[in-house]
Amino acid sequence: MPMPKEDSNTMRALRGLENNSSSVRLQAALAVGTTPDPGVIAKLIERCAIEPEFYVREILTWALTRHAASMTVPVLLDEVRSTHAQARSQALHTLSKIGDRRAWPAITPALLSDADAEVARSAWRAAVVLVPEGGERELAVVLATQLGRGERETQLSLSRALIALGEVMLPALAAATKDLDPRVRAHAIATERLWRDPDAGFEFAIEEAKRIVVLGGAGQEGR
């Protein structure tokens, strides 16, 4: 008996995800997302963990969001506990796009402080999307423990996550401006300035914050 055309197309797309050409993999991911099939969810998640091209991973995530959350979220939650950093990062990224708050318990302090910067950044973004109403202040306190971490891109990601929580994060920032670590103080000051003046830009805010730290505190900027 010949294979149904729809099944044949799905099998062709799944084979395409393994192709050496990134453009073929991209088209395959688009095809799978265009015609959602619960039978391909595991393969999409498996591919997310190893796909080297960012833009292909984005389409893989899109394809996953085209399926019912009840089918994708449980599998993604398993992936969040993977020992492979890219698997954790992409699963968190996908959960943030799905936006199902039932995934919130998986956003642990360990993930929010993951040694891998990409995983941590994905966890920060997911946390801001998934945090239950009323949990923003507590989340801000946890995120503030990561202030001063990494280079500009990582610091900007954290600043954006904190700012997305709204003014409830201001007390956590205020406490961090008194930290003994000058990198933490500078990052906290820069984030607060970016919150108050989004048009200033992070580069300007961080350089100004460093100047303030060198002068000895947030109250010195006018001297």
N, C-alpha and C. Protein backbone atom coordinates (compact mmCIF):
# COMPACT_ATOMS: atom_id res chain seq x y z
N MET A 1 0.85 -1.19 0.00
CA MET A 1 0.00 0.00 0.00
C MET A 1 0.89 1.24 0.00
N PRO A 2 0.66 2.18 -0.95
CA PRO A 2 1.51 3.38 -1.00
C PRO A 2 1.30 4.25 0.23
N MET A 3 2.37 4.94 0.66
CA MET A 3 2.30 5.83 1.82
C MET A 3 1.45 7.05 1.47
N PRO A 4 0.53 7.47 2.38
CA PRO A 4 -0.26 8.69 2.13
C PRO A 4 0.65 9.86 1.83
N LYS A 5 0.19 10.75 0.94
CA LYS A 5 1.02 11.88 0.51
C LYS A 5 1.46 12.74 1.69
N GLU A 6 0.55 12.96 2.67
CA GLU A 6 0.88 13.80 3.81
C GLU A 6 2.02 13.18 4.62
N ASP A 7 1.95 11.86 4.84
CA ASP A 7 3.01 11.17 5.56
C ASP A 7 4.32 11.24 4.81
N SER A 8 4.23 11.12 3.49
CA SER A 8 5.43 11.19 2.65
C SER A 8 6.09 12.56 2.77
N ASN A 9 5.28 13.62 2.77
CA ASN A 9 5.82 14.98 2.89
C ASN A 9 6.48 15.19 4.25
N THR A 10 5.86 14.63 5.30
CA THR A 10 6.43 14.76 6.64
C THR A 10 7.77 14.05 6.73
N MET A 11 7.84 12.85 6.16
CA MET A 11 9.09 12.10 6.19
C MET A 11 10.17 12.83 5.41
N ARG A 12 9.79 13.45 4.31
CA ARG A 12 10.76 14.20 3.50
C ARG A 12 11.28 15.41 4.30
N ALA A 13 10.38 16.07 5.01
CA ALA A 13 10.78 17.22 5.81
C ALA A 13 11.70 16.79 6.95
N LEU A 14 11.40 15.69 7.60
CA LEU A 14 12.24 15.20 8.69
C LEU A 14 13.63 14.85 8.19
N ARG A 15 13.70 14.26 7.01
CA ARG A 15 15.03 13.97 6.43
C ARG A 15 15.75 15.27 6.13
N GLY A 16 14.99 16.28 5.71
CA GLY A 16 15.59 17.57 5.38
C GLY A 16 16.24 18.23 6.57
N LEU A 17 15.73 17.96 7.77
CA LEU A 17 16.30 18.54 8.98
C LEU A 17 17.72 18.04 9.23
N GLU A 18 18.08 16.93 8.61
CA GLU A 18 19.42 16.35 8.78
C GLU A 18 20.36 16.75 7.66
N ASN A 19 19.86 17.50 6.68
CA ASN A 19 20.66 17.85 5.51
C ASN A 19 21.87 18.72 5.87
N ASN A 20 22.95 18.58 5.13
CA ASN A 20 24.16 19.39 5.38
C ASN A 20 23.95 20.86 5.05
N SER A 21 22.97 21.16 4.20
CA SER A 21 22.70 22.54 3.79
C SER A 21 21.77 23.21 4.79
N SER A 22 22.19 24.35 5.32
CA SER A 22 21.34 25.06 6.28
C SER A 22 20.05 25.56 5.62
N SER A 23 20.11 25.91 4.33
CA SER A 23 18.90 26.39 3.65
C SER A 23 17.89 25.26 3.49
N VAL A 24 18.37 24.05 3.27
CA VAL A 24 17.46 22.90 3.18
C VAL A 24 16.84 22.63 4.54
N ARG A 25 17.65 22.70 5.59
CA ARG A 25 17.12 22.50 6.95
C ARG A 25 16.08 23.56 7.29
N LEU A 26 16.34 24.79 6.86
CA LEU A 26 15.39 25.88 7.10
C LEU A 26 14.05 25.60 6.43
N GLN A 27 14.11 25.20 5.16
CA GLN A 27 12.89 24.90 4.43
C GLN A 27 12.14 23.71 5.04
N ALA A 28 12.90 22.73 5.53
CA ALA A 28 12.29 21.57 6.17
C ALA A 28 11.56 21.98 7.44
N ALA A 29 12.19 22.84 8.25
CA ALA A 29 11.56 23.30 9.48
C ALA A 29 10.29 24.11 9.16
N LEU A 30 10.35 24.92 8.13
CA LEU A 30 9.17 25.68 7.70
C LEU A 30 8.04 24.75 7.29
N ALA A 31 8.40 23.70 6.56
CA ALA A 31 7.39 22.74 6.10
C ALA A 31 6.72 22.04 7.27
N VAL A 32 7.52 21.64 8.25
CA VAL A 32 6.97 20.95 9.42
C VAL A 32 6.06 21.88 10.21
N GLY A 33 6.45 23.15 10.34
CA GLY A 33 5.63 24.10 11.07
C GLY A 33 4.36 24.47 10.34
N THR A 34 4.42 24.46 9.03
CA THR A 34 3.25 24.82 8.22
C THR A 34 2.16 23.77 8.33
N THR A 35 2.58 22.52 8.50
CA THR A 35 1.62 21.42 8.65
C THR A 35 1.92 20.69 9.95
N PRO A 36 1.47 21.22 11.07
CA PRO A 36 1.80 20.62 12.38
C PRO A 36 1.40 19.16 12.48
N ASP A 37 2.27 18.37 13.08
CA ASP A 37 2.03 16.94 13.26
C ASP A 37 2.66 16.54 14.59
N PRO A 38 1.85 16.13 15.56
CA PRO A 38 2.40 15.78 16.87
C PRO A 38 3.52 14.75 16.81
N GLY A 39 3.53 13.96 15.76
CA GLY A 39 4.55 12.93 15.64
C GLY A 39 5.95 13.47 15.39
N VAL A 40 6.08 14.76 15.07
CA VAL A 40 7.41 15.31 14.77
C VAL A 40 7.96 16.14 15.93
N ILE A 41 7.19 16.30 17.01
CA ILE A 41 7.62 17.17 18.12
C ILE A 41 8.96 16.72 18.68
N ALA A 42 9.10 15.44 18.95
CA ALA A 42 10.34 14.94 19.54
C ALA A 42 11.52 15.21 18.61
N LYS A 43 11.31 15.06 17.32
CA LYS A 43 12.39 15.29 16.35
C LYS A 43 12.78 16.77 16.31
N LEU A 44 11.79 17.65 16.37
CA LEU A 44 12.07 19.08 16.36
C LEU A 44 12.90 19.48 17.59
N ILE A 45 12.53 18.96 18.74
CA ILE A 45 13.25 19.29 19.97
C ILE A 45 14.66 18.70 19.95
N GLU A 46 14.76 17.49 19.43
CA GLU A 46 16.08 16.86 19.29
C GLU A 46 16.98 17.70 18.39
N ARG A 47 16.41 18.22 17.32
CA ARG A 47 17.20 19.02 16.37
C ARG A 47 17.60 20.36 16.98
N CYS A 48 16.72 20.94 17.81
CA CYS A 48 17.05 22.21 18.47
C CYS A 48 18.35 22.10 19.27
N ALA A 49 18.58 20.94 19.85
CA ALA A 49 19.73 20.75 20.73
C ALA A 49 21.05 20.72 19.98
N ILE A 50 21.00 20.47 18.67
CA ILE A 50 22.25 20.31 17.91
C ILE A 50 22.37 21.22 16.69
N GLU A 51 21.28 21.91 16.34
CA GLU A 51 21.30 22.77 15.15
C GLU A 51 22.30 23.93 15.33
N PRO A 52 23.29 24.04 14.43
CA PRO A 52 24.33 25.07 14.60
C PRO A 52 23.93 26.48 14.17
N GLU A 53 22.92 26.60 13.30
CA GLU A 53 22.56 27.91 12.74
C GLU A 53 21.43 28.56 13.54
N PHE A 54 21.69 29.79 13.97
CA PHE A 54 20.70 30.50 14.77
C PHE A 54 19.36 30.63 14.07
N TYR A 55 19.36 31.04 12.81
CA TYR A 55 18.09 31.30 12.13
C TYR A 55 17.31 30.02 11.88
N VAL A 56 18.00 28.89 11.76
CA VAL A 56 17.28 27.61 11.63
C VAL A 56 16.66 27.24 12.98
N ARG A 57 17.39 27.48 14.08
CA ARG A 57 16.84 27.20 15.41
C ARG A 57 15.58 28.04 15.65
N GLU A 58 15.59 29.28 15.15
CA GLU A 58 14.41 30.13 15.33
C GLU A 58 13.18 29.54 14.63
N ILE A 59 13.39 28.97 13.46
CA ILE A 59 12.26 28.36 12.74
C ILE A 59 11.85 27.06 13.40
N LEU A 60 12.80 26.33 13.95
CA LEU A 60 12.46 25.12 14.70
C LEU A 60 11.57 25.48 15.89
N THR A 61 11.93 26.56 16.58
CA THR A 61 11.11 27.03 17.71
C THR A 61 9.73 27.44 17.22
N TRP A 62 9.68 28.16 16.11
CA TRP A 62 8.38 28.55 15.54
C TRP A 62 7.54 27.33 15.22
N ALA A 63 8.17 26.32 14.65
CA ALA A 63 7.45 25.09 14.30
C ALA A 63 6.87 24.43 15.56
N LEU A 64 7.62 24.46 16.64
CA LEU A 64 7.13 23.89 17.90
C LEU A 64 5.95 24.69 18.44
N THR A 65 5.98 26.01 18.30
CA THR A 65 4.87 26.83 18.80
C THR A 65 3.59 26.61 18.01
N ARG A 66 3.71 25.99 16.86
CA ARG A 66 2.54 25.71 16.02
C ARG A 66 1.78 24.48 16.52
N HIS A 67 2.37 23.75 17.46
CA HIS A 67 1.73 22.57 18.02
C HIS A 67 1.07 22.92 19.35
N ALA A 68 0.19 22.08 19.80
CA ALA A 68 -0.51 22.32 21.06
C ALA A 68 0.47 22.33 22.22
N ALA A 69 0.33 23.33 23.10
CA ALA A 69 1.22 23.46 24.25
C ALA A 69 1.16 22.21 25.13
N SER A 70 0.01 21.59 25.20
CA SER A 70 -0.14 20.39 26.03
C SER A 70 0.77 19.26 25.56
N MET A 71 1.18 19.31 24.30
CA MET A 71 2.06 18.28 23.75
C MET A 71 3.52 18.69 23.79
N THR A 72 3.78 19.98 23.63
CA THR A 72 5.18 20.42 23.55
C THR A 72 5.79 20.73 24.91
N VAL A 73 5.02 21.36 25.80
CA VAL A 73 5.58 21.83 27.08
C VAL A 73 6.17 20.69 27.92
N PRO A 74 5.48 19.56 28.10
CA PRO A 74 6.09 18.49 28.92
C PRO A 74 7.42 18.01 28.38
N VAL A 75 7.56 17.92 27.06
CA VAL A 75 8.82 17.46 26.46
C VAL A 75 9.90 18.52 26.64
N LEU A 76 9.52 19.78 26.48
CA LEU A 76 10.48 20.87 26.66
C LEU A 76 10.95 20.95 28.11
N LEU A 77 10.08 20.67 29.04
CA LEU A 77 10.47 20.69 30.45
C LEU A 77 11.51 19.62 30.75
N ASP A 78 11.39 18.48 30.09
CA ASP A 78 12.43 17.45 30.23
C ASP A 78 13.75 17.95 29.67
N GLU A 79 13.67 18.67 28.55
CA GLU A 79 14.87 19.16 27.87
C GLU A 79 15.59 20.23 28.70
N VAL A 80 14.85 20.99 29.47
CA VAL A 80 15.43 22.02 30.32
C VAL A 80 16.43 21.43 31.32
N ARG A 81 16.24 20.15 31.63
CA ARG A 81 17.13 19.47 32.58
C ARG A 81 18.28 18.75 31.89
N SER A 82 18.44 18.96 30.59
CA SER A 82 19.50 18.30 29.83
C SER A 82 20.89 18.73 30.31
N THR A 83 21.86 17.86 30.12
CA THR A 83 23.25 18.21 30.44
C THR A 83 23.88 19.01 29.30
N HIS A 84 23.21 19.11 28.18
CA HIS A 84 23.72 19.81 27.00
C HIS A 84 23.22 21.25 27.02
N ALA A 85 24.13 22.19 27.06
CA ALA A 85 23.76 23.60 27.23
C ALA A 85 22.82 24.10 26.14
N GLN A 86 23.10 23.78 24.89
CA GLN A 86 22.23 24.28 23.82
C GLN A 86 20.82 23.72 23.95
N ALA A 87 20.70 22.49 24.40
CA ALA A 87 19.37 21.90 24.60
C ALA A 87 18.61 22.69 25.66
N ARG A 88 19.27 23.02 26.76
CA ARG A 88 18.62 23.80 27.82
C ARG A 88 18.23 25.18 27.31
N SER A 89 19.17 25.83 26.64
CA SER A 89 18.94 27.19 26.16
C SER A 89 17.78 27.26 25.19
N GLN A 90 17.77 26.35 24.21
CA GLN A 90 16.72 26.41 23.19
C GLN A 90 15.37 26.00 23.76
N ALA A 91 15.37 25.06 24.70
CA ALA A 91 14.10 24.68 25.33
C ALA A 91 13.52 25.86 26.10
N LEU A 92 14.36 26.57 26.84
CA LEU A 92 13.91 27.75 27.57
C LEU A 92 13.40 28.83 26.62
N HIS A 93 14.12 29.03 25.53
CA HIS A 93 13.72 30.02 24.52
C HIS A 93 12.34 29.66 23.96
N THR A 94 12.15 28.38 23.66
CA THR A 94 10.87 27.95 23.10
C THR A 94 9.75 28.09 24.11
N LEU A 95 10.02 27.76 25.37
CA LEU A 95 9.01 27.94 26.42
C LEU A 95 8.61 29.41 26.56
N SER A 96 9.57 30.31 26.38
CA SER A 96 9.25 31.74 26.47
C SER A 96 8.35 32.17 25.32
N LYS A 97 8.51 31.53 24.16
CA LYS A 97 7.67 31.86 23.01
C LYS A 97 6.27 31.26 23.15
N ILE A 98 6.18 30.08 23.76
CA ILE A 98 4.88 29.47 23.97
C ILE A 98 4.10 30.23 25.04
N GLY A 99 4.81 30.63 26.11
CA GLY A 99 4.20 31.48 27.13
C GLY A 99 3.23 30.78 28.06
N ASP A 100 3.32 29.47 28.18
CA ASP A 100 2.43 28.71 29.07
C ASP A 100 3.00 28.75 30.49
N ARG A 101 2.30 29.42 31.39
CA ARG A 101 2.83 29.62 32.74
C ARG A 101 2.91 28.35 33.57
N ARG A 102 2.38 27.26 33.08
CA ARG A 102 2.55 25.99 33.78
C ARG A 102 4.01 25.56 33.77
N ALA A 103 4.80 26.19 32.92
CA ALA A 103 6.22 25.87 32.85
C ALA A 103 7.05 26.62 33.90
N TRP A 104 6.42 27.54 34.62
CA TRP A 104 7.14 28.38 35.57
C TRP A 104 7.98 27.60 36.59
N PRO A 105 7.47 26.52 37.19
CA PRO A 105 8.27 25.81 38.20
C PRO A 105 9.61 25.31 37.68
N ALA A 106 9.76 25.19 36.38
CA ALA A 106 11.04 24.72 35.81
C ALA A 106 12.10 25.81 35.81
N ILE A 107 11.69 27.07 36.01
CA ILE A 107 12.65 28.17 35.99
C ILE A 107 13.27 28.30 37.38
N THR A 108 14.25 27.50 37.63
CA THR A 108 14.87 27.41 38.95
C THR A 108 15.99 28.43 39.11
N PRO A 109 16.38 28.73 40.36
CA PRO A 109 17.54 29.60 40.58
C PRO A 109 18.80 29.06 39.89
N ALA A 110 18.91 27.74 39.82
CA ALA A 110 20.08 27.14 39.16
C ALA A 110 20.13 27.52 37.68
N LEU A 111 18.97 27.54 37.02
CA LEU A 111 18.94 27.94 35.61
C LEU A 111 19.19 29.43 35.46
N LEU A 112 18.64 30.22 36.37
CA LEU A 112 18.82 31.67 36.30
C LEU A 112 20.26 32.09 36.55
N SER A 113 21.04 31.19 37.13
CA SER A 113 22.46 31.48 37.36
C SER A 113 23.35 30.46 36.64
N ASP A 114 22.81 29.84 35.60
CA ASP A 114 23.55 28.80 34.86
C ASP A 114 24.92 29.31 34.43
N ALA A 115 25.92 28.45 34.52
CA ALA A 115 27.29 28.84 34.15
C ALA A 115 27.40 29.19 32.68
N ASP A 116 26.54 28.63 31.86
CA ASP A 116 26.55 28.94 30.42
C ASP A 116 25.74 30.22 30.19
N ALA A 117 26.37 31.21 29.60
CA ALA A 117 25.72 32.52 29.43
C ALA A 117 24.46 32.44 28.59
N GLU A 118 24.47 31.63 27.52
CA GLU A 118 23.29 31.53 26.67
C GLU A 118 22.12 30.91 27.42
N VAL A 119 22.41 29.91 28.25
CA VAL A 119 21.35 29.29 29.04
C VAL A 119 20.79 30.30 30.02
N ALA A 120 21.66 31.01 30.72
CA ALA A 120 21.21 32.00 31.69
C ALA A 120 20.36 33.08 31.02
N ARG A 121 20.82 33.57 29.88
CA ARG A 121 20.07 34.62 29.18
C ARG A 121 18.69 34.13 28.74
N SER A 122 18.64 32.88 28.26
CA SER A 122 17.35 32.31 27.87
C SER A 122 16.45 32.14 29.09
N ALA A 123 17.05 31.76 30.21
CA ALA A 123 16.28 31.59 31.44
C ALA A 123 15.73 32.94 31.91
N TRP A 124 16.53 34.00 31.80
CA TRP A 124 16.05 35.33 32.21
C TRP A 124 14.84 35.75 31.39
N ARG A 125 14.95 35.55 30.07
CA ARG A 125 13.85 35.94 29.19
C ARG A 125 12.60 35.11 29.47
N ALA A 126 12.80 33.81 29.66
CA ALA A 126 11.66 32.93 29.93
C ALA A 126 11.01 33.30 31.27
N ALA A 127 11.84 33.59 32.26
CA ALA A 127 11.32 33.91 33.60
C ALA A 127 10.41 35.13 33.55
N VAL A 128 10.81 36.15 32.82
CA VAL A 128 10.02 37.39 32.74
C VAL A 128 8.66 37.12 32.09
N VAL A 129 8.63 36.21 31.12
CA VAL A 129 7.38 35.88 30.45
C VAL A 129 6.48 34.99 31.32
N LEU A 130 7.09 34.04 32.03
CA LEU A 130 6.33 33.00 32.72
C LEU A 130 6.01 33.30 34.18
N VAL A 131 6.68 34.28 34.78
CA VAL A 131 6.49 34.55 36.21
C VAL A 131 5.01 34.80 36.53
N PRO A 132 4.49 34.13 37.55
CA PRO A 132 3.08 34.34 37.92
C PRO A 132 2.87 35.77 38.43
N GLU A 133 1.66 36.26 38.28
CA GLU A 133 1.33 37.59 38.78
C GLU A 133 1.59 37.65 40.28
N GLY A 134 2.33 38.66 40.70
CA GLY A 134 2.68 38.81 42.10
C GLY A 134 4.05 38.27 42.44
N GLY A 135 4.67 37.56 41.49
CA GLY A 135 5.99 36.99 41.74
C GLY A 135 7.13 37.82 41.18
N GLU A 136 6.79 38.97 40.61
CA GLU A 136 7.81 39.78 39.93
C GLU A 136 8.89 40.31 40.89
N ARG A 137 8.48 40.73 42.07
CA ARG A 137 9.46 41.31 43.01
C ARG A 137 10.48 40.25 43.44
N GLU A 138 10.01 39.07 43.75
CA GLU A 138 10.91 37.99 44.16
C GLU A 138 11.84 37.60 43.02
N LEU A 139 11.31 37.57 41.81
CA LEU A 139 12.14 37.26 40.64
C LEU A 139 13.21 38.32 40.46
N ALA A 140 12.85 39.59 40.66
CA ALA A 140 13.82 40.68 40.52
C ALA A 140 14.99 40.50 41.50
N VAL A 141 14.70 40.06 42.70
CA VAL A 141 15.75 39.84 43.69
C VAL A 141 16.71 38.76 43.22
N VAL A 142 16.16 37.69 42.64
CA VAL A 142 17.01 36.60 42.13
C VAL A 142 17.83 37.09 40.93
N LEU A 143 17.19 37.79 40.01
CA LEU A 143 17.91 38.29 38.83
C LEU A 143 19.01 39.27 39.23
N ALA A 144 18.78 40.05 40.26
CA ALA A 144 19.77 41.05 40.69
C ALA A 144 21.06 40.39 41.17
N THR A 145 20.99 39.12 41.56
CA THR A 145 22.22 38.43 41.98
C THR A 145 23.16 38.21 40.80
N GLN A 146 22.65 38.40 39.58
CA GLN A 146 23.47 38.18 38.38
C GLN A 146 24.05 39.50 37.83
N LEU A 147 23.74 40.61 38.47
CA LEU A 147 24.28 41.89 38.01
C LEU A 147 25.81 41.87 38.04
N GLY A 148 26.39 42.47 37.02
CA GLY A 148 27.83 42.52 36.91
C GLY A 148 28.43 41.34 36.16
N ARG A 149 27.58 40.39 35.81
CA ARG A 149 28.06 39.18 35.17
C ARG A 149 28.32 39.39 33.68
N GLY A 150 29.41 38.82 33.17
CA GLY A 150 29.64 38.73 31.75
C GLY A 150 29.99 40.03 31.05
N GLU A 151 29.93 39.98 29.72
CA GLU A 151 30.25 41.14 28.89
C GLU A 151 28.98 41.91 28.55
N ARG A 152 29.12 42.90 27.66
CA ARG A 152 28.02 43.83 27.38
C ARG A 152 26.72 43.12 26.96
N GLU A 153 26.83 42.13 26.08
CA GLU A 153 25.63 41.48 25.56
C GLU A 153 24.86 40.78 26.68
N THR A 154 25.59 40.10 27.56
CA THR A 154 24.96 39.42 28.68
C THR A 154 24.37 40.43 29.66
N GLN A 155 25.11 41.49 29.94
CA GLN A 155 24.62 42.50 30.86
C GLN A 155 23.38 43.21 30.33
N LEU A 156 23.37 43.47 29.03
CA LEU A 156 22.20 44.12 28.43
C LEU A 156 20.98 43.20 28.51
N SER A 157 21.18 41.90 28.29
CA SER A 157 20.06 40.95 28.40
C SER A 157 19.46 40.98 29.80
N LEU A 158 20.33 41.01 30.81
CA LEU A 158 19.83 41.04 32.19
C LEU A 158 19.12 42.35 32.48
N SER A 159 19.68 43.46 32.01
CA SER A 159 19.03 44.76 32.22
C SER A 159 17.64 44.77 31.59
N ARG A 160 17.53 44.24 30.39
CA ARG A 160 16.23 44.20 29.72
C ARG A 160 15.23 43.35 30.49
N ALA A 161 15.71 42.22 31.03
CA ALA A 161 14.83 41.35 31.80
C ALA A 161 14.33 42.07 33.05
N LEU A 162 15.23 42.73 33.75
CA LEU A 162 14.83 43.46 34.96
C LEU A 162 13.85 44.58 34.63
N ILE A 163 14.16 45.33 33.58
CA ILE A 163 13.29 46.44 33.19
C ILE A 163 11.90 45.93 32.80
N ALA A 164 11.85 44.76 32.17
CA ALA A 164 10.56 44.19 31.76
C ALA A 164 9.67 43.87 32.95
N LEU A 165 10.26 43.69 34.13
CA LEU A 165 9.48 43.40 35.33
C LEU A 165 8.77 44.65 35.87
N GLY A 166 9.20 45.82 35.41
CA GLY A 166 8.57 47.06 35.87
C GLY A 166 9.20 47.60 37.13
N GLU A 167 8.55 48.55 37.73
CA GLU A 167 9.15 49.28 38.86
C GLU A 167 9.35 48.42 40.11
N VAL A 168 8.74 47.24 40.15
CA VAL A 168 8.94 46.37 41.32
C VAL A 168 10.40 45.95 41.45
N MET A 169 11.18 46.09 40.37
CA MET A 169 12.58 45.68 40.44
C MET A 169 13.48 46.78 41.00
N LEU A 170 12.96 47.98 41.20
CA LEU A 170 13.79 49.10 41.63
C LEU A 170 14.43 48.89 43.01
N PRO A 171 13.72 48.32 44.01
CA PRO A 171 14.40 48.08 45.29
C PRO A 171 15.60 47.13 45.17
N ALA A 172 15.48 46.12 44.34
CA ALA A 172 16.60 45.19 44.14
C ALA A 172 17.78 45.91 43.48
N LEU A 173 17.47 46.80 42.54
CA LEU A 173 18.54 47.59 41.91
C LEU A 173 19.18 48.53 42.92
N ALA A 174 18.36 49.17 43.74
CA ALA A 174 18.88 50.11 44.73
C ALA A 174 19.85 49.40 45.67
N ALA A 175 19.50 48.20 46.08
CA ALA A 175 20.38 47.44 46.97
C ALA A 175 21.70 47.10 46.27
N ALA A 176 21.61 46.78 44.99
CA ALA A 176 22.81 46.40 44.24
C ALA A 176 23.75 47.58 44.00
N THR A 177 23.23 48.81 44.02
CA THR A 177 24.10 49.97 43.85
C THR A 177 25.04 50.17 45.05
N LYS A 178 24.80 49.44 46.12
CA LYS A 178 25.66 49.52 47.31
C LYS A 178 26.56 48.29 47.45
N ASP A 179 26.54 47.43 46.43
CA ASP A 179 27.34 46.20 46.48
C ASP A 179 28.83 46.53 46.54
N LEU A 180 29.61 45.65 47.15
CA LEU A 180 31.06 45.86 47.25
C LEU A 180 31.76 45.72 45.91
N ASP A 181 31.15 44.97 44.98
CA ASP A 181 31.76 44.75 43.66
C ASP A 181 31.43 45.94 42.74
N PRO A 182 32.45 46.63 42.24
CA PRO A 182 32.18 47.80 41.38
C PRO A 182 31.46 47.44 40.08
N ARG A 183 31.67 46.22 39.58
CA ARG A 183 30.96 45.80 38.36
C ARG A 183 29.46 45.68 38.64
N VAL A 184 29.13 45.15 39.80
CA VAL A 184 27.72 45.02 40.18
C VAL A 184 27.10 46.41 40.34
N ARG A 185 27.80 47.29 41.02
CA ARG A 185 27.28 48.66 41.22
C ARG A 185 27.06 49.36 39.89
N ALA A 186 28.04 49.26 39.01
CA ALA A 186 27.94 49.94 37.71
C ALA A 186 26.78 49.38 36.90
N HIS A 187 26.63 48.08 36.90
CA HIS A 187 25.55 47.45 36.13
C HIS A 187 24.18 47.85 36.69
N ALA A 188 24.08 47.90 38.02
CA ALA A 188 22.82 48.29 38.65
C ALA A 188 22.46 49.73 38.31
N ILE A 189 23.45 50.62 38.40
CA ILE A 189 23.22 52.03 38.09
C ILE A 189 22.83 52.20 36.62
N ALA A 190 23.53 51.49 35.73
CA ALA A 190 23.23 51.58 34.30
C ALA A 190 21.81 51.08 34.01
N THR A 191 21.41 50.00 34.67
CA THR A 191 20.06 49.47 34.46
C THR A 191 19.00 50.45 34.92
N GLU A 192 19.24 51.08 36.09
CA GLU A 192 18.28 52.06 36.59
C GLU A 192 18.18 53.26 35.65
N ARG A 193 19.30 53.69 35.11
CA ARG A 193 19.29 54.82 34.18
C ARG A 193 18.57 54.46 32.89
N LEU A 194 18.79 53.22 32.44
CA LEU A 194 18.11 52.76 31.22
C LEU A 194 16.60 52.65 31.45
N TRP A 195 16.22 52.28 32.65
CA TRP A 195 14.80 52.22 33.02
C TRP A 195 14.18 53.61 32.96
N ARG A 196 14.91 54.61 33.47
CA ARG A 196 14.36 55.96 33.53
C ARG A 196 14.47 56.68 32.18
N ASP A 197 15.45 56.30 31.38
CA ASP A 197 15.65 56.96 30.09
C ASP A 197 16.00 55.91 29.03
N PRO A 198 14.99 55.18 28.51
CA PRO A 198 15.24 54.11 27.53
C PRO A 198 15.98 54.57 26.28
N ASP A 199 15.86 55.86 25.95
CA ASP A 199 16.50 56.37 24.73
C ASP A 199 17.99 56.61 24.91
N ALA A 200 18.47 56.54 26.15
CA ALA A 200 19.89 56.83 26.40
C ALA A 200 20.80 55.79 25.79
N GLY A 201 20.34 54.55 25.73
CA GLY A 201 21.17 53.47 25.19
C GLY A 201 22.05 52.86 26.27
N PHE A 202 22.27 51.56 26.17
CA PHE A 202 23.00 50.84 27.21
C PHE A 202 24.46 51.25 27.27
N GLU A 203 25.09 51.46 26.11
CA GLU A 203 26.51 51.82 26.10
C GLU A 203 26.74 53.11 26.88
N PHE A 204 25.91 54.11 26.61
CA PHE A 204 26.03 55.38 27.33
C PHE A 204 25.78 55.17 28.81
N ALA A 205 24.72 54.40 29.14
CA ALA A 205 24.35 54.19 30.53
C ALA A 205 25.45 53.49 31.31
N ILE A 206 26.08 52.48 30.71
CA ILE A 206 27.10 51.73 31.44
C ILE A 206 28.37 52.56 31.61
N GLU A 207 28.73 53.35 30.61
CA GLU A 207 29.92 54.20 30.75
C GLU A 207 29.70 55.28 31.79
N GLU A 208 28.50 55.86 31.80
CA GLU A 208 28.18 56.87 32.81
C GLU A 208 28.17 56.25 34.20
N ALA A 209 27.64 55.01 34.28
CA ALA A 209 27.59 54.32 35.57
C ALA A 209 29.00 54.04 36.09
N LYS A 210 29.90 53.66 35.20
CA LYS A 210 31.29 53.42 35.62
C LYS A 210 31.91 54.69 36.18
N ARG A 211 31.61 55.81 35.53
CA ARG A 211 32.14 57.08 36.00
C ARG A 211 31.62 57.39 37.41
N ILE A 212 30.35 57.13 37.62
CA ILE A 212 29.75 57.37 38.93
C ILE A 212 30.39 56.49 40.00
N VAL A 213 30.63 55.23 39.65
CA VAL A 213 31.25 54.30 40.60
C VAL A 213 32.66 54.77 40.97
N VAL A 214 33.39 55.22 39.97
CA VAL A 214 34.75 55.72 40.22
C VAL A 214 34.72 56.94 41.14
N LEU A 215 33.70 57.79 40.95
CA LEU A 215 33.57 58.99 41.78
C LEU A 215 33.11 58.66 43.21
N GLY A 216 32.56 57.47 43.36
CA GLY A 216 32.26 57.04 44.73
C GLY A 216 30.80 56.88 45.06
N GLY A 217 29.90 56.97 44.07
CA GLY A 217 28.50 56.72 44.40
C GLY A 217 27.54 57.43 43.50
N ALA A 218 26.28 56.98 43.55
CA ALA A 218 25.26 57.51 42.67
C ALA A 218 24.99 58.98 42.90
N GLY A 219 25.37 59.49 44.05
CA GLY A 219 25.10 60.89 44.32
C GLY A 219 26.19 61.81 43.83
N GLN A 220 27.24 61.27 43.17
CA GLN A 220 28.36 62.09 42.77
C GLN A 220 28.28 62.60 41.33
N GLU A 221 27.24 62.13 40.57
CA GLU A 221 27.29 62.41 39.13
C GLU A 221 27.21 63.88 38.79
N GLY A 222 26.72 64.70 39.69
CA GLY A 222 26.58 66.12 39.34
C GLY A 222 27.81 66.93 39.64
N ARG A 223 28.84 66.31 40.19
CA ARG A 223 30.01 67.09 40.57
C ARG A 223 30.96 67.31 39.40
